[in-house]
Structures are given as structure tokens and as C-alpha cells.
Amino acid sequence: MRWLTLYARSRQVPASLAAVVISAVVVWALARDGSEAPGDPRLPALVLASGAMAASIGLSGQDLALDRTAAIRWVLRRAVHVLLIGAVVGAVLPAVQAMGENVAATAFTVRNSAGLMGLVAVGATVCGARLAWTLPMAWLSFSVFAPPPTSLPMEVATWMLLPPGTAAGTWTALVLAVTGTVVYAVAGPKR
């Protein structure tokens, strides 16, 4: 158990978890205000993205050289870490909904948390953990300001805001989740 505690502290898990909880409380407060129309996907997408972005900082340790030279198998640990990020971020909205405000469907939450988890993992591999948040932020920003999707490429580009059950949104999130998990597990964070 000591190893797990040290790992969590070195990956800044307590601070990331606090940021995820704070974003959930803010979304709950905004949803209670009634300013967003029911079924509007922007607010739930924002809370999922902010949770994934907050958790992304822990995708590298304090010393990358130490991580790369340690005599332990990092591939499984990295994959589990990424999957746990998706699970924790995905648990935020159902927790908010348990307080009485229905902000998103479960299928929407699962799809977006999986896709965002893969996106931050790709970001950590390509840009490093300190900048892993930029990919989900850029994609969410584009999705919010893009015109309504009328073609398959636009559906892929705005997958975060599509209704649950949309094939393009589901497949995009699935590809991002699998690709991100595998790439990060094998390559690790960028130096």
C-alpha cells in the first residue's frame, strides 16, 4: 500500500482529484441556476473536459529519467493510470446527478470521459504531461464554436457535443481512448 500512496502523491493525484470535485460542484451550481437549457451538452462536456485536463498533470512523475530507468514494468501501470482517469472523470457527472440535477445521459458521460481520457494520454505522449491539457481544450473550444455538423468530418470534429448513440461520436471517442491508452502505455510521457 505504501507504493500506491507514494505513486499517487508523486503524480499529484490529491490535487487533481480536488480540481475534478470542484469542477463538478461548479457544474452542479450552474445547472441549478437554470440558465442552460435541459439537454444542452456544452456544460457536461466542459466538466468532463476540465476533469480530464486536471487529471492529465499526473501522467508524468517528478523525474522522467527516473521513470524511464526504474526496474518496474511501466506499461501496465501507465495503462491502468489512464483508465482510472477515465473512470474517475466519468463518475463525476453521475455524482452530480445524484444531487438532483440531470445534466447528461450516462451514455454521453461514458463516451466523452473515454474519449477525453485518450486525448489527454495522447497529449501527454506528444506534448508532455504539463501540456497534455491543450489537446482536449483545443478540441472542446472548436466543438463549441463550430457550426452544427452537417457532414461526417464535422461530426467527427464535434464528437464531444453530439447526442449519445451517434455513430461518429462513439467511434471517434473509442478510437481516441484506445489509441491514447496504447500510445501512452508504450511510449510514456514526453521528456
C-alpha atoms as a PDB file:
ATOM      1  CA  MET A   1       0.000   0.000   0.000  1.00  0.00           C
ATOM      2  CA  ARG A   2       2.918   2.333   0.615  1.00  0.00           C
ATOM      3  CA  TRP A   3       3.887   2.100  -3.070  1.00  0.00           C
ATOM      4  CA  LEU A   4       0.407   3.178  -4.132  1.00  0.00           C
ATOM      5  CA  THR A   5       0.451   6.137  -1.741  1.00  0.00           C
ATOM      6  CA  LEU A   6       3.842   7.282  -2.981  1.00  0.00           C
ATOM      7  CA  TYR A   7       2.772   6.851  -6.595  1.00  0.00           C
ATOM      8  CA  ALA A   8      -0.410   8.888  -6.025  1.00  0.00           C
ATOM      9  CA  ARG A   9       1.494  11.692  -4.307  1.00  0.00           C
ATOM     10  CA  SER A  10       4.203  11.814  -6.980  1.00  0.00           C
ATOM     11  CA  ARG A  11       1.527  12.030  -9.678  1.00  0.00           C
ATOM     12  CA  GLN A  12      -0.324  14.832  -7.864  1.00  0.00           C
ATOM     13  CA  VAL A  13      -3.479  12.749  -7.569  1.00  0.00           C
ATOM     14  CA  PRO A  14      -4.870  14.563  -4.486  1.00  0.00           C
ATOM     15  CA  ALA A  15      -4.675  17.965  -6.194  1.00  0.00           C
ATOM     16  CA  SER A  16      -6.137  16.584  -9.421  1.00  0.00           C
ATOM     17  CA  LEU A  17      -8.977  14.920  -7.559  1.00  0.00           C
ATOM     18  CA  ALA A  18      -9.728  18.174  -5.748  1.00  0.00           C
ATOM     19  CA  ALA A  19      -9.884  20.002  -9.098  1.00  0.00           C
ATOM     20  CA  VAL A  20     -12.255  17.371 -10.509  1.00  0.00           C
ATOM     21  CA  VAL A  21     -14.547  17.666  -7.479  1.00  0.00           C
ATOM     22  CA  ILE A  22     -14.501  21.469  -7.615  1.00  0.00           C
ATOM     23  CA  SER A  23     -15.442  21.431 -11.300  1.00  0.00           C
ATOM     24  CA  ALA A  24     -18.312  19.043 -10.507  1.00  0.00           C
ATOM     25  CA  VAL A  25     -19.608  21.355  -7.779  1.00  0.00           C
ATOM     26  CA  VAL A  26     -19.404  24.351 -10.114  1.00  0.00           C
ATOM     27  CA  VAL A  27     -21.370  22.476 -12.787  1.00  0.00           C
ATOM     28  CA  TRP A  28     -23.963  21.451 -10.210  1.00  0.00           C
ATOM     29  CA  ALA A  29     -24.340  25.092  -9.155  1.00  0.00           C
ATOM     30  CA  LEU A  30     -24.639  26.265 -12.767  1.00  0.00           C
ATOM     31  CA  ALA A  31     -27.155  23.548 -13.614  1.00  0.00           C
ATOM     32  CA  ARG A  32     -29.309  24.574 -10.636  1.00  0.00           C
ATOM     33  CA  ASP A  33     -29.369  28.123 -11.936  1.00  0.00           C
ATOM     34  CA  GLY A  34     -31.477  27.009 -14.884  1.00  0.00           C
ATOM     35  CA  SER A  35     -29.514  29.152 -17.329  1.00  0.00           C
ATOM     36  CA  GLU A  36     -28.679  26.192 -19.552  1.00  0.00           C
ATOM     37  CA  ALA A  37     -31.469  24.504 -21.452  1.00  0.00           C
ATOM     38  CA  PRO A  38     -32.065  20.878 -20.492  1.00  0.00           C
ATOM     39  CA  GLY A  39     -30.176  18.591 -22.819  1.00  0.00           C
ATOM     40  CA  ASP A  40     -27.568  21.210 -23.709  1.00  0.00           C
ATOM     41  CA  PRO A  41     -24.320  19.216 -23.973  1.00  0.00           C
ATOM     42  CA  ARG A  42     -21.899  22.119 -23.516  1.00  0.00           C
ATOM     43  CA  LEU A  43     -21.908  22.229 -19.721  1.00  0.00           C
ATOM     44  CA  PRO A  44     -21.452  18.461 -19.180  1.00  0.00           C
ATOM     45  CA  ALA A  45     -18.768  18.387 -21.884  1.00  0.00           C
ATOM     46  CA  LEU A  46     -16.988  21.226 -20.118  1.00  0.00           C
ATOM     47  CA  VAL A  47     -16.998  19.476 -16.736  1.00  0.00           C
ATOM     48  CA  LEU A  48     -15.718  16.235 -18.270  1.00  0.00           C
ATOM     49  CA  ALA A  49     -13.015  18.075 -20.188  1.00  0.00           C
ATOM     50  CA  SER A  50     -11.959  20.071 -17.144  1.00  0.00           C
ATOM     51  CA  GLY A  51     -11.762  16.882 -15.094  1.00  0.00           C
ATOM     52  CA  ALA A  52      -9.621  15.174 -17.731  1.00  0.00           C
ATOM     53  CA  MET A  53      -7.421  18.247 -18.028  1.00  0.00           C
ATOM     54  CA  ALA A  54      -6.945  18.431 -14.258  1.00  0.00           C
ATOM     55  CA  ALA A  55      -6.027  14.751 -14.069  1.00  0.00           C
ATOM     56  CA  SER A  56      -3.626  14.976 -17.009  1.00  0.00           C
ATOM     57  CA  ILE A  57      -0.909  16.644 -14.945  1.00  0.00           C
ATOM     58  CA  GLY A  58      -0.330  13.340 -13.151  1.00  0.00           C
ATOM     59  CA  LEU A  59       0.597  11.494 -16.315  1.00  0.00           C
ATOM     60  CA  SER A  60       4.267  12.042 -15.571  1.00  0.00           C
ATOM     61  CA  GLY A  61       6.266  11.898 -12.397  1.00  0.00           C
ATOM     62  CA  GLN A  62       8.651  14.390 -10.874  1.00  0.00           C
ATOM     63  CA  ASP A  63      11.646  12.898 -12.658  1.00  0.00           C
ATOM     64  CA  LEU A  64      11.144  11.463 -16.151  1.00  0.00           C
ATOM     65  CA  ALA A  65      14.624   9.944 -16.208  1.00  0.00           C
ATOM     66  CA  LEU A  66      13.817   8.015 -13.038  1.00  0.00           C
ATOM     67  CA  ASP A  67      10.543   6.808 -14.540  1.00  0.00           C
ATOM     68  CA  ARG A  68      12.323   5.567 -17.644  1.00  0.00           C
ATOM     69  CA  THR A  69      15.143   3.784 -15.817  1.00  0.00           C
ATOM     70  CA  ALA A  70      13.168   2.185 -12.993  1.00  0.00           C
ATOM     71  CA  ALA A  71      13.254  -1.590 -12.846  1.00  0.00           C
ATOM     72  CA  ILE A  72       9.476  -1.946 -12.889  1.00  0.00           C
ATOM     73  CA  ARG A  73       7.099  -2.524 -15.751  1.00  0.00           C
ATOM     74  CA  TRP A  74       5.571   0.796 -16.625  1.00  0.00           C
ATOM     75  CA  VAL A  75       3.330  -0.314 -19.482  1.00  0.00           C
ATOM     76  CA  LEU A  76       0.648  -1.857 -17.274  1.00  0.00           C
ATOM     77  CA  ARG A  77       0.874   0.894 -14.657  1.00  0.00           C
ATOM     78  CA  ARG A  78       0.523   3.605 -17.291  1.00  0.00           C
ATOM     79  CA  ALA A  79      -2.460   1.884 -18.896  1.00  0.00           C
ATOM     80  CA  VAL A  80      -4.188   1.471 -15.534  1.00  0.00           C
ATOM     81  CA  HIS A  81      -3.487   5.104 -14.664  1.00  0.00           C
ATOM     82  CA  VAL A  82      -5.091   6.319 -17.879  1.00  0.00           C
ATOM     83  CA  LEU A  83      -8.105   4.043 -17.422  1.00  0.00           C
ATOM     84  CA  LEU A  84      -8.539   5.239 -13.837  1.00  0.00           C
ATOM     85  CA  ILE A  85      -8.537   8.838 -15.054  1.00  0.00           C
ATOM     86  CA  GLY A  86     -11.398   7.963 -17.393  1.00  0.00           C
ATOM     87  CA  ALA A  87     -13.296   6.167 -14.619  1.00  0.00           C
ATOM     88  CA  VAL A  88     -12.925   8.967 -12.074  1.00  0.00           C
ATOM     89  CA  VAL A  89     -13.789  11.700 -14.568  1.00  0.00           C
ATOM     90  CA  GLY A  90     -16.745   9.615 -15.751  1.00  0.00           C
ATOM     91  CA  ALA A  91     -18.012   9.236 -12.180  1.00  0.00           C
ATOM     92  CA  VAL A  92     -18.246  12.992 -11.652  1.00  0.00           C
ATOM     93  CA  LEU A  93     -21.442  13.680 -13.607  1.00  0.00           C
ATOM     94  CA  PRO A  94     -23.439  10.765 -12.145  1.00  0.00           C
ATOM     95  CA  ALA A  95     -22.434  12.059  -8.698  1.00  0.00           C
ATOM     96  CA  VAL A  96     -23.758  15.497  -9.635  1.00  0.00           C
ATOM     97  CA  GLN A  97     -26.944  13.944 -10.999  1.00  0.00           C
ATOM     98  CA  ALA A  98     -27.430  12.092  -7.711  1.00  0.00           C
ATOM     99  CA  MET A  99     -27.790  15.525  -6.075  1.00  0.00           C
ATOM    100  CA  GLY A 100     -30.900  16.136  -8.133  1.00  0.00           C
ATOM    101  CA  GLU A 101     -29.889  17.812 -11.390  1.00  0.00           C
ATOM    102  CA  ASN A 102     -29.977  15.721 -14.567  1.00  0.00           C
ATOM    103  CA  VAL A 103     -27.174  17.248 -16.614  1.00  0.00           C
ATOM    104  CA  ALA A 104     -26.221  14.446 -19.023  1.00  0.00           C
ATOM    105  CA  ALA A 105     -27.135  10.929 -20.081  1.00  0.00           C
ATOM    106  CA  THR A 106     -24.956   8.073 -18.886  1.00  0.00           C
ATOM    107  CA  ALA A 107     -24.014   7.135 -22.463  1.00  0.00           C
ATOM    108  CA  PHE A 108     -22.861  10.712 -23.079  1.00  0.00           C
ATOM    109  CA  THR A 109     -20.764  10.655 -19.911  1.00  0.00           C
ATOM    110  CA  VAL A 110     -19.129   7.307 -20.677  1.00  0.00           C
ATOM    111  CA  ARG A 111     -18.376   8.215 -24.288  1.00  0.00           C
ATOM    112  CA  ASN A 112     -16.895  11.610 -23.502  1.00  0.00           C
ATOM    113  CA  SER A 113     -14.877  10.517 -20.481  1.00  0.00           C
ATOM    114  CA  ALA A 114     -13.353   7.671 -22.500  1.00  0.00           C
ATOM    115  CA  GLY A 115     -12.524   9.902 -25.464  1.00  0.00           C
ATOM    116  CA  LEU A 116     -11.127  12.694 -23.303  1.00  0.00           C
ATOM    117  CA  MET A 117      -9.058  10.194 -21.343  1.00  0.00           C
ATOM    118  CA  GLY A 118      -7.476   9.013 -24.581  1.00  0.00           C
ATOM    119  CA  LEU A 119      -6.994  12.582 -25.745  1.00  0.00           C
ATOM    120  CA  VAL A 120      -5.061  13.611 -22.618  1.00  0.00           C
ATOM    121  CA  ALA A 121      -2.969  10.446 -22.909  1.00  0.00           C
ATOM    122  CA  VAL A 122      -2.041  11.380 -26.476  1.00  0.00           C
ATOM    123  CA  GLY A 123      -1.332  14.899 -25.261  1.00  0.00           C
ATOM    124  CA  ALA A 124       0.996  13.607 -22.546  1.00  0.00           C
ATOM    125  CA  THR A 125       2.847  11.469 -25.060  1.00  0.00           C
ATOM    126  CA  VAL A 126       3.173  14.190 -27.688  1.00  0.00           C
ATOM    127  CA  CYS A 127       3.437  17.381 -25.595  1.00  0.00           C
ATOM    128  CA  GLY A 128       4.338  16.140 -22.113  1.00  0.00           C
ATOM    129  CA  ALA A 129       2.075  15.983 -19.068  1.00  0.00           C
ATOM    130  CA  ARG A 130       2.412  19.700 -18.346  1.00  0.00           C
ATOM    131  CA  LEU A 131       0.786  20.486 -21.705  1.00  0.00           C
ATOM    132  CA  ALA A 132      -1.460  17.435 -22.072  1.00  0.00           C
ATOM    133  CA  TRP A 133      -4.484  19.603 -21.300  1.00  0.00           C
ATOM    134  CA  THR A 134      -4.067  21.581 -24.528  1.00  0.00           C
ATOM    135  CA  LEU A 135      -5.492  18.897 -26.834  1.00  0.00           C
ATOM    136  CA  PRO A 136      -8.836  18.473 -25.016  1.00  0.00           C
ATOM    137  CA  MET A 137      -9.126  22.224 -24.524  1.00  0.00           C
ATOM    138  CA  ALA A 138      -8.490  22.979 -28.181  1.00  0.00           C
ATOM    139  CA  TRP A 139     -10.887  20.251 -29.345  1.00  0.00           C
ATOM    140  CA  LEU A 140     -13.627  21.365 -26.954  1.00  0.00           C
ATOM    141  CA  SER A 141     -13.172  25.006 -27.976  1.00  0.00           C
ATOM    142  CA  PHE A 142     -13.512  24.076 -31.631  1.00  0.00           C
ATOM    143  CA  SER A 143     -16.571  21.934 -30.898  1.00  0.00           C
ATOM    144  CA  VAL A 144     -18.343  24.715 -29.019  1.00  0.00           C
ATOM    145  CA  PHE A 145     -17.774  27.360 -31.690  1.00  0.00           C
ATOM    146  CA  ALA A 146     -18.110  25.148 -34.789  1.00  0.00           C
ATOM    147  CA  PRO A 147     -21.260  25.308 -36.888  1.00  0.00           C
ATOM    148  CA  PRO A 148     -23.747  22.456 -36.487  1.00  0.00           C
ATOM    149  CA  PRO A 149     -22.372  19.279 -38.059  1.00  0.00           C
ATOM    150  CA  THR A 150     -23.783  18.510 -41.494  1.00  0.00           C
ATOM    151  CA  SER A 151     -21.150  16.054 -42.702  1.00  0.00           C
ATOM    152  CA  LEU A 152     -19.200  13.134 -41.293  1.00  0.00           C
ATOM    153  CA  PRO A 153     -15.931  15.100 -40.885  1.00  0.00           C
ATOM    154  CA  MET A 154     -17.784  17.774 -38.898  1.00  0.00           C
ATOM    155  CA  GLU A 155     -19.456  15.089 -36.765  1.00  0.00           C
ATOM    156  CA  VAL A 156     -16.015  13.658 -36.015  1.00  0.00           C
ATOM    157  CA  ALA A 157     -14.705  17.134 -35.205  1.00  0.00           C
ATOM    158  CA  THR A 158     -17.600  17.885 -32.838  1.00  0.00           C
ATOM    159  CA  TRP A 159     -17.942  14.422 -31.279  1.00  0.00           C
ATOM    160  CA  MET A 160     -17.973  15.813 -27.718  1.00  0.00           C
ATOM    161  CA  LEU A 161     -21.274  17.600 -28.240  1.00  0.00           C
ATOM    162  CA  LEU A 162     -23.114  15.005 -30.323  1.00  0.00           C
ATOM    163  CA  PRO A 163     -26.073  13.211 -28.755  1.00  0.00           C
ATOM    164  CA  PRO A 164     -25.379   9.786 -27.255  1.00  0.00           C
ATOM    165  CA  GLY A 165     -25.704   6.955 -29.721  1.00  0.00           C
ATOM    166  CA  THR A 166     -24.374   8.940 -32.679  1.00  0.00           C
ATOM    167  CA  ALA A 167     -22.062   6.565 -34.549  1.00  0.00           C
ATOM    168  CA  ALA A 168     -19.460   9.189 -35.463  1.00  0.00           C
ATOM    169  CA  GLY A 169     -19.217  10.429 -31.875  1.00  0.00           C
ATOM    170  CA  THR A 170     -18.994   6.941 -30.410  1.00  0.00           C
ATOM    171  CA  TRP A 171     -16.372   5.732 -32.870  1.00  0.00           C
ATOM    172  CA  THR A 172     -14.275   8.878 -32.512  1.00  0.00           C
ATOM    173  CA  ALA A 173     -14.269   8.539 -28.716  1.00  0.00           C
ATOM    174  CA  LEU A 174     -13.448   4.828 -28.957  1.00  0.00           C
ATOM    175  CA  VAL A 175     -10.539   5.406 -31.349  1.00  0.00           C
ATOM    176  CA  LEU A 176      -9.185   8.201 -29.140  1.00  0.00           C
ATOM    177  CA  ALA A 177      -9.498   6.065 -25.990  1.00  0.00           C
ATOM    178  CA  VAL A 178      -7.764   3.005 -27.437  1.00  0.00           C
ATOM    179  CA  THR A 179      -5.085   4.956 -29.295  1.00  0.00           C
ATOM    180  CA  GLY A 180      -4.328   7.213 -26.351  1.00  0.00           C
ATOM    181  CA  THR A 181      -4.123   4.371 -23.849  1.00  0.00           C
ATOM    182  CA  VAL A 182      -1.869   2.231 -26.027  1.00  0.00           C
ATOM    183  CA  VAL A 183       0.415   5.054 -27.136  1.00  0.00           C
ATOM    184  CA  TYR A 184       0.853   6.410 -23.613  1.00  0.00           C
ATOM    185  CA  ALA A 185       1.301   2.961 -22.061  1.00  0.00           C
ATOM    186  CA  VAL A 186       4.021   2.014 -24.533  1.00  0.00           C
ATOM    187  CA  ALA A 187       5.819   5.339 -25.051  1.00  0.00           C
ATOM    188  CA  GLY A 188       5.149   7.165 -21.803  1.00  0.00           C
ATOM    189  CA  PRO A 189       5.177  10.917 -21.378  1.00  0.00           C
ATOM    190  CA  LYS A 190       7.357  13.171 -23.473  1.00  0.00           C
ATOM    191  CA  ARG A 191      10.557  14.388 -21.838  1.00  0.00           C
END
